[in-house]
Amino acid sequence: MVRKLRYERKLKARDIAKVINTTVSFIGNVENVANRAKYNMKHINAFAIYFQVSPQLFFPPLPYE
């Protein structure tokens, strides 16, 4: 969802990195599905504030099996 919002708003990975105070390479690792890096709850909260959406938007509607 972060990548989708980033593309919709024409933001670069470096813009997103600034929101959560991390590196561009970390953002690339999270967006690469082959990599295990993931955002944590602190990141999700920062994104919700930045994009002015509910944190719930970043979670699936149903649990994964």
Protein backbone atom coordinates (compact mmCIF):
# COMPACT_ATOMS: atom_id res chain seq x y z
CA MET A 1 0.00 0.00 0.00
CA VAL A 2 2.88 2.38 0.72
CA ARG A 3 4.27 1.78 -2.76
CA LYS A 4 0.82 2.36 -4.28
CA LEU A 5 0.40 5.66 -2.42
CA ARG A 6 3.95 6.63 -3.32
CA TYR A 7 3.33 6.06 -7.03
CA GLU A 8 -0.07 7.78 -6.98
CA ARG A 9 1.48 10.89 -5.42
CA LYS A 10 4.59 10.74 -7.60
CA LEU A 11 6.94 10.42 -4.63
CA LYS A 12 10.44 8.98 -4.75
CA ALA A 13 11.77 6.33 -2.40
CA ARG A 14 13.90 9.03 -0.77
CA ASP A 15 10.73 10.99 0.08
CA ILE A 16 9.29 7.96 1.84
CA ALA A 17 12.61 7.29 3.57
CA LYS A 18 12.48 10.77 5.09
CA VAL A 19 9.00 10.13 6.49
CA ILE A 20 10.26 7.22 8.60
CA ASN A 21 13.83 8.47 9.01
CA THR A 22 15.55 5.60 7.23
CA THR A 23 17.59 4.93 4.10
CA VAL A 24 16.47 4.64 0.51
CA SER A 25 17.95 1.15 0.43
CA PHE A 26 15.64 0.06 3.27
CA ILE A 27 12.64 1.27 1.28
CA GLY A 28 13.89 -0.68 -1.73
CA ASN A 29 14.32 -3.78 0.41
CA VAL A 30 10.76 -3.51 1.75
CA GLU A 31 9.32 -3.01 -1.73
CA ASN A 32 11.23 -6.04 -3.03
CA VAL A 33 8.99 -9.03 -2.30
CA ALA A 34 12.02 -11.36 -2.32
CA ASN A 35 13.46 -9.50 0.68
CA ARG A 36 12.39 -10.08 4.29
CA ALA A 37 12.53 -6.40 5.32
CA LYS A 38 9.16 -5.06 6.46
CA TYR A 39 7.72 -1.90 7.94
CA ASN A 40 6.95 -1.97 11.67
CA MET A 41 4.06 -0.37 13.54
CA LYS A 42 6.00 2.84 14.12
CA HIS A 43 6.53 3.12 10.35
CA ILE A 44 2.85 2.41 9.65
CA ASN A 45 1.79 5.12 12.08
CA ALA A 46 4.18 7.63 10.48
CA PHE A 47 2.82 6.77 7.02
CA ALA A 48 -0.78 7.12 8.23
CA ILE A 49 -0.01 10.59 9.56
CA TYR A 50 1.93 11.59 6.43
CA PHE A 51 -0.71 10.34 3.97
CA GLN A 52 -3.58 11.42 6.27
CA VAL A 53 -5.24 8.00 6.24
CA SER A 54 -6.17 5.44 8.85
CA PRO A 55 -3.41 2.97 9.80
CA GLN A 56 -5.98 0.29 9.00
CA LEU A 57 -5.45 1.03 5.30
CA PHE A 58 -2.04 -0.65 5.49
CA PHE A 59 -3.42 -3.98 6.73
CA PRO A 60 -5.34 -6.69 4.85
CA PRO A 61 -9.08 -6.87 5.47
CA LEU A 62 -8.81 -10.49 6.59
CA PRO A 63 -5.97 -12.42 8.22
CA TYR A 64 -3.68 -14.51 6.06
CA GLU A 65 -3.86 -18.25 6.44
